[in-house]
Amino acid sequence: MAQVFKGTRDKKQGRKENATADQISAREDLAQARSQTRARKLDTRRKILLGGGLLALARAGDETATALVHKIINHQFRDIDQKAFEGWSVTSGE
């Protein structure tokens, strides 16, 4: 026979009331991790937008933007980063 629940208790609220210290800490850690993930995604989005805008200006002939792109490329120290720009130019984009 099915049991009928006649109360109005919120399941999530009940879980929070009965949560152990470890569970509360885990929830706080998860909330912090989610916040950090959102912040990293926003930071990455800003970098992409700034880089795209800089390249658009350089390709449109803005000399300051072109000089800045070259300065950034020449500032790459890791081999893998330098190789990413081998044979590439601001105007060709390939």
C-alpha atoms as a PDB file:
ATOM      1  CA  MET A   1       0.000   0.000   0.000  1.00  0.00           C
ATOM      2  CA  ALA A   2       1.334   3.447  -0.915  1.00  0.00           C
ATOM      3  CA  GLN A   3       2.084   5.871   1.857  1.00  0.00           C
ATOM      4  CA  VAL A   4       0.676   9.381   1.466  1.00  0.00           C
ATOM      5  CA  PHE A   5       2.695  12.349   2.661  1.00  0.00           C
ATOM      6  CA  LYS A   6       0.451  15.135   3.910  1.00  0.00           C
ATOM      7  CA  GLY A   7       3.097  17.594   5.104  1.00  0.00           C
ATOM      8  CA  THR A   8       4.599  20.595   3.393  1.00  0.00           C
ATOM      9  CA  ARG A   9       8.201  19.965   4.366  1.00  0.00           C
ATOM     10  CA  ASP A  10      10.723  20.946   1.715  1.00  0.00           C
ATOM     11  CA  LYS A  11      13.063  18.012   1.029  1.00  0.00           C
ATOM     12  CA  LYS A  12      16.090  20.246   0.468  1.00  0.00           C
ATOM     13  CA  GLN A  13      15.435  22.156   3.670  1.00  0.00           C
ATOM     14  CA  GLY A  14      15.198  18.895   5.597  1.00  0.00           C
ATOM     15  CA  ARG A  15      18.517  17.740   4.166  1.00  0.00           C
ATOM     16  CA  LYS A  16      20.189  21.011   5.119  1.00  0.00           C
ATOM     17  CA  GLU A  17      18.931  20.766   8.673  1.00  0.00           C
ATOM     18  CA  ASN A  18      20.304  17.230   9.027  1.00  0.00           C
ATOM     19  CA  ALA A  19      23.591  17.883   7.216  1.00  0.00           C
ATOM     20  CA  THR A  20      26.809  16.957   8.931  1.00  0.00           C
ATOM     21  CA  ALA A  21      29.728  19.346   9.204  1.00  0.00           C
ATOM     22  CA  ASP A  22      31.484  17.438   6.405  1.00  0.00           C
ATOM     23  CA  GLN A  23      28.462  17.794   4.143  1.00  0.00           C
ATOM     24  CA  ILE A  24      28.180  21.502   4.849  1.00  0.00           C
ATOM     25  CA  SER A  25      31.886  21.933   4.145  1.00  0.00           C
ATOM     26  CA  ALA A  26      31.556  19.953   0.903  1.00  0.00           C
ATOM     27  CA  ARG A  27      28.651  22.155  -0.220  1.00  0.00           C
ATOM     28  CA  GLU A  28      30.673  25.290   0.547  1.00  0.00           C
ATOM     29  CA  ASP A  29      33.660  23.893  -1.350  1.00  0.00           C
ATOM     30  CA  LEU A  30      31.431  23.062  -4.314  1.00  0.00           C
ATOM     31  CA  ALA A  31      29.945  26.560  -4.313  1.00  0.00           C
ATOM     32  CA  GLN A  32      33.435  28.068  -4.214  1.00  0.00           C
ATOM     33  CA  ALA A  33      34.624  25.796  -7.045  1.00  0.00           C
ATOM     34  CA  ARG A  34      31.635  26.803  -9.166  1.00  0.00           C
ATOM     35  CA  SER A  35      32.329  30.457  -8.497  1.00  0.00           C
ATOM     36  CA  GLN A  36      35.982  30.028  -9.467  1.00  0.00           C
ATOM     37  CA  THR A  37      34.952  28.195 -12.653  1.00  0.00           C
ATOM     38  CA  ARG A  38      32.610  31.059 -13.595  1.00  0.00           C
ATOM     39  CA  ALA A  39      35.386  33.584 -12.939  1.00  0.00           C
ATOM     40  CA  ARG A  40      37.879  31.628 -15.098  1.00  0.00           C
ATOM     41  CA  LYS A  41      35.358  31.338 -17.930  1.00  0.00           C
ATOM     42  CA  LEU A  42      34.680  35.075 -17.786  1.00  0.00           C
ATOM     43  CA  ASP A  43      38.420  35.803 -17.767  1.00  0.00           C
ATOM     44  CA  THR A  44      38.926  33.535 -20.783  1.00  0.00           C
ATOM     45  CA  ARG A  45      36.040  35.213 -22.608  1.00  0.00           C
ATOM     46  CA  ARG A  46      37.578  38.646 -21.980  1.00  0.00           C
ATOM     47  CA  LYS A  47      40.946  37.479 -23.316  1.00  0.00           C
ATOM     48  CA  ILE A  48      39.330  36.086 -26.454  1.00  0.00           C
ATOM     49  CA  LEU A  49      37.349  39.277 -27.036  1.00  0.00           C
ATOM     50  CA  LEU A  50      40.389  41.498 -26.458  1.00  0.00           C
ATOM     51  CA  GLY A  51      42.580  39.361 -28.722  1.00  0.00           C
ATOM     52  CA  GLY A  52      39.943  39.296 -31.439  1.00  0.00           C
ATOM     53  CA  GLY A  53      39.477  43.045 -31.210  1.00  0.00           C
ATOM     54  CA  LEU A  54      43.224  43.633 -31.352  1.00  0.00           C
ATOM     55  CA  LEU A  55      43.562  41.423 -34.430  1.00  0.00           C
ATOM     56  CA  ALA A  56      40.605  43.126 -36.107  1.00  0.00           C
ATOM     57  CA  LEU A  57      42.215  46.529 -35.558  1.00  0.00           C
ATOM     58  CA  ALA A  58      45.582  45.282 -36.823  1.00  0.00           C
ATOM     59  CA  ARG A  59      44.013  43.773 -39.948  1.00  0.00           C
ATOM     60  CA  ALA A  60      42.172  47.041 -40.548  1.00  0.00           C
ATOM     61  CA  GLY A  61      45.530  48.782 -40.736  1.00  0.00           C
ATOM     62  CA  ASP A  62      45.871  50.246 -37.265  1.00  0.00           C
ATOM     63  CA  GLU A  63      49.639  50.609 -36.875  1.00  0.00           C
ATOM     64  CA  THR A  64      49.559  50.672 -33.084  1.00  0.00           C
ATOM     65  CA  ALA A  65      47.551  47.450 -32.963  1.00  0.00           C
ATOM     66  CA  THR A  66      49.870  45.805 -35.514  1.00  0.00           C
ATOM     67  CA  ALA A  67      52.924  46.805 -33.482  1.00  0.00           C
ATOM     68  CA  LEU A  68      51.326  45.448 -30.314  1.00  0.00           C
ATOM     69  CA  VAL A  69      50.514  42.116 -32.000  1.00  0.00           C
ATOM     70  CA  HIS A  70      54.125  41.803 -33.147  1.00  0.00           C
ATOM     71  CA  LYS A  71      55.370  42.696 -29.675  1.00  0.00           C
ATOM     72  CA  ILE A  72      53.149  40.032 -28.107  1.00  0.00           C
ATOM     73  CA  ILE A  73      54.280  37.404 -30.620  1.00  0.00           C
ATOM     74  CA  ASN A  74      57.948  38.244 -30.062  1.00  0.00           C
ATOM     75  CA  HIS A  75      57.435  38.014 -26.310  1.00  0.00           C
ATOM     76  CA  GLN A  76      56.551  34.290 -26.440  1.00  0.00           C
ATOM     77  CA  PHE A  77      59.277  32.306 -24.673  1.00  0.00           C
ATOM     78  CA  ARG A  78      58.059  28.717 -24.822  1.00  0.00           C
ATOM     79  CA  ASP A  79      58.887  26.767 -27.985  1.00  0.00           C
ATOM     80  CA  ILE A  80      55.346  25.480 -28.322  1.00  0.00           C
ATOM     81  CA  ASP A  81      53.999  29.045 -28.183  1.00  0.00           C
ATOM     82  CA  GLN A  82      56.545  30.310 -30.734  1.00  0.00           C
ATOM     83  CA  LYS A  83      55.675  27.461 -33.115  1.00  0.00           C
ATOM     84  CA  ALA A  84      52.027  28.515 -33.047  1.00  0.00           C
ATOM     85  CA  PHE A  85      53.035  31.707 -34.867  1.00  0.00           C
ATOM     86  CA  GLU A  86      55.503  30.232 -37.386  1.00  0.00           C
ATOM     87  CA  GLY A  87      54.462  31.256 -40.893  1.00  0.00           C
ATOM     88  CA  TRP A  88      51.571  33.308 -39.532  1.00  0.00           C
ATOM     89  CA  SER A  89      51.037  36.987 -40.163  1.00  0.00           C
ATOM     90  CA  VAL A  90      48.472  39.489 -38.978  1.00  0.00           C
ATOM     91  CA  THR A  91      47.191  40.105 -42.482  1.00  0.00           C
ATOM     92  CA  SER A  92      46.912  36.487 -43.617  1.00  0.00           C
ATOM     93  CA  GLY A  93      45.389  35.137 -40.416  1.00  0.00           C
ATOM     94  CA  GLU A  94      46.499  31.605 -41.329  1.00  0.00           C
END
